[in-house]
Amino acid sequence: NLCEMNFSCLRFLIKIIPDESVGIRILAIQALIIPCIYASSWLHLTEIKSTRSLMKLNRDLHRWSTGILLVCADNATTWNHRKVNLQNEISENSVHDQIVKFHKELSYCHLILRRFPKCGEAWSYCWFLVNCIDELCERKSVLVEELSFCLEMANRAKNNYYAWTYRIRILTKYVSDSSGYESIAFLKSELELNSNWIRQHVLDSSAFNYRRLLLENLFSIDYESRVSEMLEKENAFILNLTETLNGKISQCAETHRVALEQLTTKF
């Protein structure tokens, strides 16, 4: 069959490729072995539904879905199988065991996203896991860790809309679960971090969208009477960005300036 042919070809290529050409060997493995892993995992995943043992079903679903998603992270059907399987598997576990399981799944999801940083299905699954953890223990440390991971993924892939959208969700949950003073301190720190990010990525429109959300939250919580002051600071920030581009304002910055003026009319 196809897999046996691919393994035969791989053995032949390894023999003829020089030992010092490690990169070429890795490419050969990826081209010949990964399709076999995916095909085999998908075949098993579609067959195990007929098993009678629920324990075996859960174990096999977890195993084969792991193989599939490591190769093709956009497979929505497999993510859904994994979600349902996780819910069935932990239904009779203690709260502590459930939290541990959710954290393991979140670590696996991070692994997938480090390989496919713009995979919308994986980001959605992360959000599902964060909500599950929050319902059980309301740990803000998880939200802080996810914020750090978002930044890592934004660095890994340019204009990562999915990472910034996920960050908006985390931000909204953090602010809603915090007191006014804590929310203000958090939003200010996020605004400073965002400023540093934009100075290095002036064309990242998603980062500007996130910045407007930060400002909107600050206006609504603590800055109703200081909107003009904040707007002045933002205009100075945009001017500073323009100077770094030799006097040419980026389209993202201009869109941000116009949207911000419209935003301030609400307050």
C-alpha atoms as a PDB file:
ATOM      1  CA  ASN A   1       0.000   0.000   0.000  1.00  0.00           C
ATOM      2  CA  LEU A   2       0.905   3.691  -0.091  1.00  0.00           C
ATOM      3  CA  CYS A   3       2.471   3.777   3.363  1.00  0.00           C
ATOM      4  CA  GLU A   4       4.669   0.756   2.674  1.00  0.00           C
ATOM      5  CA  MET A   5       5.823   2.372  -0.579  1.00  0.00           C
ATOM      6  CA  ASN A   6       6.633   5.601   1.259  1.00  0.00           C
ATOM      7  CA  PHE A   7       8.651   3.770   3.914  1.00  0.00           C
ATOM      8  CA  SER A   8      10.581   1.948   1.181  1.00  0.00           C
ATOM      9  CA  CYS A   9      11.316   5.233  -0.566  1.00  0.00           C
ATOM     10  CA  LEU A  10      12.413   6.766   2.737  1.00  0.00           C
ATOM     11  CA  ARG A  11      14.858   3.934   3.452  1.00  0.00           C
ATOM     12  CA  PHE A  12      16.303   4.388  -0.031  1.00  0.00           C
ATOM     13  CA  LEU A  13      16.645   8.166   0.336  1.00  0.00           C
ATOM     14  CA  ILE A  14      18.337   7.881   3.737  1.00  0.00           C
ATOM     15  CA  LYS A  15      20.921   5.596   2.168  1.00  0.00           C
ATOM     16  CA  ILE A  16      21.768   7.955  -0.690  1.00  0.00           C
ATOM     17  CA  ILE A  17      21.520  11.293   1.182  1.00  0.00           C
ATOM     18  CA  PRO A  18      24.873  12.202   2.822  1.00  0.00           C
ATOM     19  CA  ASP A  19      25.014  12.201   6.622  1.00  0.00           C
ATOM     20  CA  GLU A  20      25.814  15.919   6.728  1.00  0.00           C
ATOM     21  CA  SER A  21      22.601  16.804   4.855  1.00  0.00           C
ATOM     22  CA  VAL A  22      20.406  16.631   7.933  1.00  0.00           C
ATOM     23  CA  GLY A  23      17.955  19.216   6.627  1.00  0.00           C
ATOM     24  CA  ILE A  24      17.269  17.254   3.461  1.00  0.00           C
ATOM     25  CA  ARG A  25      16.682  14.085   5.473  1.00  0.00           C
ATOM     26  CA  ILE A  26      14.157  15.899   7.658  1.00  0.00           C
ATOM     27  CA  LEU A  27      12.316  17.173   4.590  1.00  0.00           C
ATOM     28  CA  ALA A  28      12.230  13.639   3.186  1.00  0.00           C
ATOM     29  CA  ILE A  29      10.736  12.325   6.428  1.00  0.00           C
ATOM     30  CA  GLN A  30       8.117  15.084   6.452  1.00  0.00           C
ATOM     31  CA  ALA A  31       7.121  14.495   2.835  1.00  0.00           C
ATOM     32  CA  LEU A  32       6.846  10.709   3.070  1.00  0.00           C
ATOM     33  CA  ILE A  33       5.920   9.868   6.662  1.00  0.00           C
ATOM     34  CA  ILE A  34       3.540  12.647   7.745  1.00  0.00           C
ATOM     35  CA  PRO A  35       0.877  11.795   5.105  1.00  0.00           C
ATOM     36  CA  CYS A  36       0.947   8.204   6.379  1.00  0.00           C
ATOM     37  CA  ILE A  37       0.518   9.319   9.993  1.00  0.00           C
ATOM     38  CA  TYR A  38      -2.470  11.430   9.032  1.00  0.00           C
ATOM     39  CA  ALA A  39      -4.095   8.751   6.878  1.00  0.00           C
ATOM     40  CA  SER A  40      -3.607   6.060   9.514  1.00  0.00           C
ATOM     41  CA  SER A  41      -4.876   8.283  12.354  1.00  0.00           C
ATOM     42  CA  TRP A  42      -7.960   9.344  10.406  1.00  0.00           C
ATOM     43  CA  LEU A  43      -8.755   5.743   9.485  1.00  0.00           C
ATOM     44  CA  HIS A  44      -8.574   4.646  13.114  1.00  0.00           C
ATOM     45  CA  LEU A  45     -10.570   7.641  14.305  1.00  0.00           C
ATOM     46  CA  THR A  46     -13.451   6.848  11.968  1.00  0.00           C
ATOM     47  CA  GLU A  47     -13.399   3.148  12.920  1.00  0.00           C
ATOM     48  CA  ILE A  48     -13.232   3.333  16.718  1.00  0.00           C
ATOM     49  CA  LYS A  49     -16.780   4.659  17.020  1.00  0.00           C
ATOM     50  CA  SER A  50     -17.934   1.047  16.747  1.00  0.00           C
ATOM     51  CA  THR A  51     -16.067  -0.028  19.880  1.00  0.00           C
ATOM     52  CA  ARG A  52     -18.200  -1.211  22.804  1.00  0.00           C
ATOM     53  CA  SER A  53     -15.859  -0.226  25.605  1.00  0.00           C
ATOM     54  CA  LEU A  54     -16.302   3.417  26.629  1.00  0.00           C
ATOM     55  CA  MET A  55     -12.870   3.474  28.302  1.00  0.00           C
ATOM     56  CA  LYS A  56     -11.212   2.134  25.147  1.00  0.00           C
ATOM     57  CA  LEU A  57     -13.205   4.588  23.046  1.00  0.00           C
ATOM     58  CA  ASN A  58     -11.984   7.556  25.095  1.00  0.00           C
ATOM     59  CA  ARG A  59      -8.378   6.351  25.055  1.00  0.00           C
ATOM     60  CA  ASP A  60      -8.337   5.697  21.303  1.00  0.00           C
ATOM     61  CA  LEU A  61     -10.113   8.934  20.424  1.00  0.00           C
ATOM     62  CA  HIS A  62      -7.516  10.859  22.391  1.00  0.00           C
ATOM     63  CA  ARG A  63      -4.620   8.978  20.788  1.00  0.00           C
ATOM     64  CA  TRP A  64      -5.695   9.224  17.150  1.00  0.00           C
ATOM     65  CA  SER A  65      -7.016  12.778  17.350  1.00  0.00           C
ATOM     66  CA  THR A  66      -3.622  13.782  18.722  1.00  0.00           C
ATOM     67  CA  GLY A  67      -1.930  12.323  15.640  1.00  0.00           C
ATOM     68  CA  ILE A  68      -4.338  14.001  13.222  1.00  0.00           C
ATOM     69  CA  LEU A  69      -4.140  17.478  14.726  1.00  0.00           C
ATOM     70  CA  LEU A  70      -0.353  17.468  14.861  1.00  0.00           C
ATOM     71  CA  VAL A  71      -0.457  17.121  11.073  1.00  0.00           C
ATOM     72  CA  CYS A  72      -3.641  19.009  10.151  1.00  0.00           C
ATOM     73  CA  ALA A  73      -4.719  21.399  12.888  1.00  0.00           C
ATOM     74  CA  ASP A  74      -7.643  22.842  10.880  1.00  0.00           C
ATOM     75  CA  ASN A  75      -9.638  19.608  11.069  1.00  0.00           C
ATOM     76  CA  ALA A  76     -12.751  20.904  12.851  1.00  0.00           C
ATOM     77  CA  THR A  77     -14.338  17.444  13.064  1.00  0.00           C
ATOM     78  CA  THR A  78     -11.388  16.096  15.032  1.00  0.00           C
ATOM     79  CA  TRP A  79     -11.403  19.046  17.434  1.00  0.00           C
ATOM     80  CA  ASN A  80     -15.095  18.430  18.066  1.00  0.00           C
ATOM     81  CA  HIS A  81     -14.460  14.699  18.697  1.00  0.00           C
ATOM     82  CA  ARG A  82     -11.717  15.648  21.133  1.00  0.00           C
ATOM     83  CA  LYS A  83     -13.947  18.131  22.971  1.00  0.00           C
ATOM     84  CA  VAL A  84     -16.820  15.655  23.375  1.00  0.00           C
ATOM     85  CA  ASN A  85     -14.395  12.935  24.410  1.00  0.00           C
ATOM     86  CA  LEU A  86     -12.832  15.206  27.039  1.00  0.00           C
ATOM     87  CA  GLN A  87     -16.228  16.059  28.510  1.00  0.00           C
ATOM     88  CA  ASN A  88     -17.186  12.371  28.679  1.00  0.00           C
ATOM     89  CA  GLU A  89     -13.845  11.369  30.160  1.00  0.00           C
ATOM     90  CA  ILE A  90     -13.884  13.830  33.070  1.00  0.00           C
ATOM     91  CA  SER A  91     -17.595  13.638  33.893  1.00  0.00           C
ATOM     92  CA  GLU A  92     -16.996  11.447  36.952  1.00  0.00           C
ATOM     93  CA  ASN A  93     -13.636  12.902  38.013  1.00  0.00           C
ATOM     94  CA  SER A  94     -12.983  15.090  41.029  1.00  0.00           C
ATOM     95  CA  VAL A  95     -12.637  18.857  40.544  1.00  0.00           C
ATOM     96  CA  HIS A  96      -8.870  18.615  41.023  1.00  0.00           C
ATOM     97  CA  ASP A  97      -8.532  15.873  38.398  1.00  0.00           C
ATOM     98  CA  GLN A  98     -10.680  17.858  35.989  1.00  0.00           C
ATOM     99  CA  ILE A  99      -8.487  20.941  36.387  1.00  0.00           C
ATOM    100  CA  VAL A 100      -5.334  18.863  35.823  1.00  0.00           C
ATOM    101  CA  LYS A 101      -6.853  17.355  32.667  1.00  0.00           C
ATOM    102  CA  PHE A 102      -7.905  20.739  31.315  1.00  0.00           C
ATOM    103  CA  HIS A 103      -4.404  22.115  31.906  1.00  0.00           C
ATOM    104  CA  LYS A 104      -2.875  19.173  30.036  1.00  0.00           C
ATOM    105  CA  GLU A 105      -5.223  19.803  27.128  1.00  0.00           C
ATOM    106  CA  LEU A 106      -4.311  23.487  27.174  1.00  0.00           C
ATOM    107  CA  SER A 107      -0.612  22.589  26.996  1.00  0.00           C
ATOM    108  CA  TYR A 108      -1.331  20.313  24.033  1.00  0.00           C
ATOM    109  CA  CYS A 109      -3.264  23.115  22.367  1.00  0.00           C
ATOM    110  CA  HIS A 110      -0.282  25.436  22.840  1.00  0.00           C
ATOM    111  CA  LEU A 111       1.911  22.825  21.192  1.00  0.00           C
ATOM    112  CA  ILE A 112      -0.394  22.771  18.166  1.00  0.00           C
ATOM    113  CA  LEU A 113      -0.467  26.565  17.942  1.00  0.00           C
ATOM    114  CA  ARG A 114       3.307  26.829  18.082  1.00  0.00           C
ATOM    115  CA  ARG A 115       3.295  24.809  14.873  1.00  0.00           C
ATOM    116  CA  PHE A 116       0.162  26.431  13.385  1.00  0.00           C
ATOM    117  CA  PRO A 117      -0.094  29.892  15.041  1.00  0.00           C
ATOM    118  CA  LYS A 118      -3.009  31.022  12.858  1.00  0.00           C
ATOM    119  CA  CYS A 119      -5.229  27.967  13.350  1.00  0.00           C
ATOM    120  CA  GLY A 120      -8.664  29.305  14.270  1.00  0.00           C
ATOM    121  CA  GLU A 121      -9.942  25.901  15.419  1.00  0.00           C
ATOM    122  CA  ALA A 122      -7.104  25.539  17.923  1.00  0.00           C
ATOM    123  CA  TRP A 123      -7.686  29.038  19.308  1.00  0.00           C
ATOM    124  CA  SER A 124     -11.391  28.244  19.757  1.00  0.00           C
ATOM    125  CA  TYR A 125     -10.498  25.074  21.649  1.00  0.00           C
ATOM    126  CA  CYS A 126      -8.148  27.066  23.898  1.00  0.00           C
ATOM    127  CA  TRP A 127     -11.008  29.407  24.749  1.00  0.00           C
ATOM    128  CA  PHE A 128     -13.235  26.447  25.578  1.00  0.00           C
ATOM    129  CA  LEU A 129     -10.578  25.083  27.953  1.00  0.00           C
ATOM    130  CA  VAL A 130      -9.986  28.449  29.642  1.00  0.00           C
ATOM    131  CA  ASN A 131     -13.712  28.775  30.321  1.00  0.00           C
ATOM    132  CA  CYS A 132     -13.806  25.241  31.751  1.00  0.00           C
ATOM    133  CA  ILE A 133     -10.917  26.021  34.107  1.00  0.00           C
ATOM    134  CA  ASP A 134     -12.457  29.351  35.100  1.00  0.00           C
ATOM    135  CA  GLU A 135     -15.784  27.719  35.963  1.00  0.00           C
ATOM    136  CA  LEU A 136     -14.035  25.268  38.285  1.00  0.00           C
ATOM    137  CA  CYS A 137     -11.564  27.502  40.093  1.00  0.00           C
ATOM    138  CA  GLU A 138     -11.560  31.063  38.666  1.00  0.00           C
ATOM    139  CA  ARG A 139      -7.783  31.230  38.473  1.00  0.00           C
ATOM    140  CA  LYS A 140      -6.610  34.569  37.092  1.00  0.00           C
ATOM    141  CA  SER A 141      -3.126  33.116  36.781  1.00  0.00           C
ATOM    142  CA  VAL A 142      -4.427  31.092  33.824  1.00  0.00           C
ATOM    143  CA  LEU A 143      -5.619  34.277  32.135  1.00  0.00           C
ATOM    144  CA  VAL A 144      -2.239  35.933  32.699  1.00  0.00           C
ATOM    145  CA  GLU A 145      -0.445  32.905  31.237  1.00  0.00           C
ATOM    146  CA  GLU A 146      -2.728  32.994  28.199  1.00  0.00           C
ATOM    147  CA  LEU A 147      -1.982  36.684  27.665  1.00  0.00           C
ATOM    148  CA  SER A 148       1.720  35.858  27.597  1.00  0.00           C
ATOM    149  CA  PHE A 149       1.096  33.011  25.162  1.00  0.00           C
ATOM    150  CA  CYS A 150      -0.895  35.341  22.872  1.00  0.00           C
ATOM    151  CA  LEU A 151       2.081  37.660  22.636  1.00  0.00           C
ATOM    152  CA  GLU A 152       4.368  34.747  21.833  1.00  0.00           C
ATOM    153  CA  MET A 153       2.074  33.685  18.977  1.00  0.00           C
ATOM    154  CA  ALA A 154       1.764  37.248  17.696  1.00  0.00           C
ATOM    155  CA  ASN A 155       5.563  37.325  17.512  1.00  0.00           C
ATOM    156  CA  ARG A 156       5.642  33.981  15.753  1.00  0.00           C
ATOM    157  CA  ALA A 157       3.247  34.982  12.945  1.00  0.00           C
ATOM    158  CA  LYS A 158       2.763  38.488  11.541  1.00  0.00           C
ATOM    159  CA  ASN A 159      -0.701  40.080  11.711  1.00  0.00           C
ATOM    160  CA  ASN A 160      -2.042  37.168  13.740  1.00  0.00           C
ATOM    161  CA  TYR A 161      -5.724  38.125  13.879  1.00  0.00           C
ATOM    162  CA  TYR A 162      -6.596  34.946  15.819  1.00  0.00           C
ATOM    163  CA  ALA A 163      -4.068  35.625  18.590  1.00  0.00           C
ATOM    164  CA  TRP A 164      -5.251  39.204  19.094  1.00  0.00           C
ATOM    165  CA  THR A 165      -8.935  38.196  19.004  1.00  0.00           C
ATOM    166  CA  TYR A 166      -8.203  35.578  21.665  1.00  0.00           C
ATOM    167  CA  ARG A 167      -6.372  38.224  23.682  1.00  0.00           C
ATOM    168  CA  ILE A 168      -9.481  40.446  23.498  1.00  0.00           C
ATOM    169  CA  ARG A 169     -11.555  37.595  24.944  1.00  0.00           C
ATOM    170  CA  ILE A 170      -9.060  37.059  27.764  1.00  0.00           C
ATOM    171  CA  LEU A 171      -8.951  40.794  28.472  1.00  0.00           C
ATOM    172  CA  THR A 172     -12.753  41.036  28.635  1.00  0.00           C
ATOM    173  CA  LYS A 173     -12.967  38.103  31.052  1.00  0.00           C
ATOM    174  CA  TYR A 174     -10.163  39.483  33.247  1.00  0.00           C
ATOM    175  CA  VAL A 175     -11.751  42.947  33.499  1.00  0.00           C
ATOM    176  CA  SER A 176     -15.225  41.547  34.186  1.00  0.00           C
ATOM    177  CA  ASP A 177     -13.839  39.441  37.049  1.00  0.00           C
ATOM    178  CA  SER A 178     -11.834  42.286  38.626  1.00  0.00           C
ATOM    179  CA  SER A 179     -12.541  45.273  40.834  1.00  0.00           C
ATOM    180  CA  GLY A 180     -12.405  48.777  39.368  1.00  0.00           C
ATOM    181  CA  TYR A 181      -8.943  49.569  40.766  1.00  0.00           C
ATOM    182  CA  GLU A 182      -7.488  46.239  39.654  1.00  0.00           C
ATOM    183  CA  SER A 183      -9.026  46.628  36.188  1.00  0.00           C
ATOM    184  CA  ILE A 184      -7.511  50.092  35.763  1.00  0.00           C
ATOM    185  CA  ALA A 185      -4.036  48.899  36.762  1.00  0.00           C
ATOM    186  CA  PHE A 186      -4.336  45.938  34.410  1.00  0.00           C
ATOM    187  CA  LEU A 187      -5.556  48.044  31.470  1.00  0.00           C
ATOM    188  CA  LYS A 188      -2.748  50.554  31.960  1.00  0.00           C
ATOM    189  CA  SER A 189      -0.122  47.810  31.943  1.00  0.00           C
ATOM    190  CA  GLU A 190      -1.688  46.312  28.815  1.00  0.00           C
ATOM    191  CA  LEU A 191      -1.690  49.723  27.126  1.00  0.00           C
ATOM    192  CA  GLU A 192       2.012  50.173  27.843  1.00  0.00           C
ATOM    193  CA  LEU A 193       2.784  46.699  26.533  1.00  0.00           C
ATOM    194  CA  ASN A 194       0.707  47.401  23.426  1.00  0.00           C
ATOM    195  CA  SER A 195       2.568  50.681  22.853  1.00  0.00           C
ATOM    196  CA  ASN A 196       5.906  48.883  22.860  1.00  0.00           C
ATOM    197  CA  TRP A 197       4.530  46.228  20.521  1.00  0.00           C
ATOM    198  CA  ILE A 198       3.129  48.710  17.987  1.00  0.00           C
ATOM    199  CA  ARG A 199       6.378  50.673  17.891  1.00  0.00           C
ATOM    200  CA  GLN A 200       7.989  47.517  16.515  1.00  0.00           C
ATOM    201  CA  HIS A 201       5.005  46.394  14.386  1.00  0.00           C
ATOM    202  CA  VAL A 202       3.479  49.561  12.960  1.00  0.00           C
ATOM    203  CA  LEU A 203       1.504  47.660  10.305  1.00  0.00           C
ATOM    204  CA  ASP A 204      -0.270  45.232  12.635  1.00  0.00           C
ATOM    205  CA  SER A 205      -3.934  46.282  12.356  1.00  0.00           C
ATOM    206  CA  SER A 206      -5.074  43.698  14.931  1.00  0.00           C
ATOM    207  CA  ALA A 207      -2.779  45.257  17.550  1.00  0.00           C
ATOM    208  CA  PHE A 208      -4.381  48.659  16.872  1.00  0.00           C
ATOM    209  CA  ASN A 209      -7.856  47.119  17.266  1.00  0.00           C
ATOM    210  CA  TYR A 210      -6.795  45.728  20.621  1.00  0.00           C
ATOM    211  CA  ARG A 211      -5.457  49.143  21.609  1.00  0.00           C
ATOM    212  CA  ARG A 212      -8.814  50.798  20.902  1.00  0.00           C
ATOM    213  CA  LEU A 213     -10.539  48.239  23.110  1.00  0.00           C
ATOM    214  CA  LEU A 214      -8.102  49.045  25.928  1.00  0.00           C
ATOM    215  CA  LEU A 215      -8.809  52.757  25.597  1.00  0.00           C
ATOM    216  CA  GLU A 216     -12.562  52.199  25.445  1.00  0.00           C
ATOM    217  CA  ASN A 217     -12.409  50.205  28.684  1.00  0.00           C
ATOM    218  CA  LEU A 218     -10.284  52.882  30.354  1.00  0.00           C
ATOM    219  CA  PHE A 219     -12.679  55.614  29.239  1.00  0.00           C
ATOM    220  CA  SER A 220     -15.682  53.751  30.607  1.00  0.00           C
ATOM    221  CA  ILE A 221     -14.093  52.832  33.952  1.00  0.00           C
ATOM    222  CA  ASP A 222     -11.953  55.748  35.017  1.00  0.00           C
ATOM    223  CA  TYR A 223     -11.407  58.381  32.373  1.00  0.00           C
ATOM    224  CA  GLU A 224     -14.827  59.840  31.536  1.00  0.00           C
ATOM    225  CA  SER A 225     -13.666  63.323  32.496  1.00  0.00           C
ATOM    226  CA  ARG A 226     -10.243  62.949  30.904  1.00  0.00           C
ATOM    227  CA  VAL A 227     -11.099  61.824  27.374  1.00  0.00           C
ATOM    228  CA  SER A 228      -9.539  64.898  25.763  1.00  0.00           C
ATOM    229  CA  GLU A 229      -6.311  64.315  27.710  1.00  0.00           C
ATOM    230  CA  MET A 230      -6.136  60.682  26.610  1.00  0.00           C
ATOM    231  CA  LEU A 231      -6.919  61.641  23.023  1.00  0.00           C
ATOM    232  CA  GLU A 232      -4.071  64.154  23.093  1.00  0.00           C
ATOM    233  CA  LYS A 233      -1.700  61.439  24.309  1.00  0.00           C
ATOM    234  CA  GLU A 234      -2.864  59.101  21.549  1.00  0.00           C
ATOM    235  CA  ASN A 235      -2.311  61.753  18.901  1.00  0.00           C
ATOM    236  CA  ALA A 236       1.208  62.260  20.263  1.00  0.00           C
ATOM    237  CA  PHE A 237       1.742  58.500  20.115  1.00  0.00           C
ATOM    238  CA  ILE A 238       0.610  58.398  16.474  1.00  0.00           C
ATOM    239  CA  LEU A 239       2.827  61.375  15.654  1.00  0.00           C
ATOM    240  CA  ASN A 240       5.774  59.539  17.167  1.00  0.00           C
ATOM    241  CA  LEU A 241       4.995  56.519  14.984  1.00  0.00           C
ATOM    242  CA  THR A 242       4.841  58.789  11.933  1.00  0.00           C
ATOM    243  CA  GLU A 243       8.318  60.113  12.698  1.00  0.00           C
ATOM    244  CA  THR A 244       9.705  56.573  12.810  1.00  0.00           C
ATOM    245  CA  LEU A 245       8.353  56.112   9.252  1.00  0.00           C
ATOM    246  CA  ASN A 246      10.044  59.274   7.960  1.00  0.00           C
ATOM    247  CA  GLY A 247       6.886  61.332   8.143  1.00  0.00           C
ATOM    248  CA  LYS A 248       4.561  58.795   6.506  1.00  0.00           C
ATOM    249  CA  ILE A 249       1.639  57.720   8.651  1.00  0.00           C
ATOM    250  CA  SER A 250       0.729  54.051   8.247  1.00  0.00           C
ATOM    251  CA  GLN A 251      -2.766  53.120   7.143  1.00  0.00           C
ATOM    252  CA  CYS A 252      -3.269  51.249  10.414  1.00  0.00           C
ATOM    253  CA  ALA A 253      -2.356  54.329  12.466  1.00  0.00           C
ATOM    254  CA  GLU A 254      -4.618  56.581  10.409  1.00  0.00           C
ATOM    255  CA  THR A 255      -7.544  54.157  10.755  1.00  0.00           C
ATOM    256  CA  HIS A 256      -6.862  54.038  14.493  1.00  0.00           C
ATOM    257  CA  ARG A 257      -6.865  57.847  14.763  1.00  0.00           C
ATOM    258  CA  VAL A 258     -10.180  58.206  12.929  1.00  0.00           C
ATOM    259  CA  ALA A 259     -11.816  55.368  14.882  1.00  0.00           C
ATOM    260  CA  LEU A 260     -10.579  56.863  18.155  1.00  0.00           C
ATOM    261  CA  GLU A 261     -12.164  60.228  17.375  1.00  0.00           C
ATOM    262  CA  GLN A 262     -15.448  58.472  16.746  1.00  0.00           C
ATOM    263  CA  LEU A 263     -15.037  56.521  19.979  1.00  0.00           C
ATOM    264  CA  THR A 264     -14.517  59.613  22.108  1.00  0.00           C
ATOM    265  CA  THR A 265     -17.875  61.037  21.021  1.00  0.00           C
ATOM    266  CA  LYS A 266     -19.533  58.327  23.161  1.00  0.00           C
ATOM    267  CA  PHE A 267     -18.089  59.800  26.357  1.00  0.00           C
END
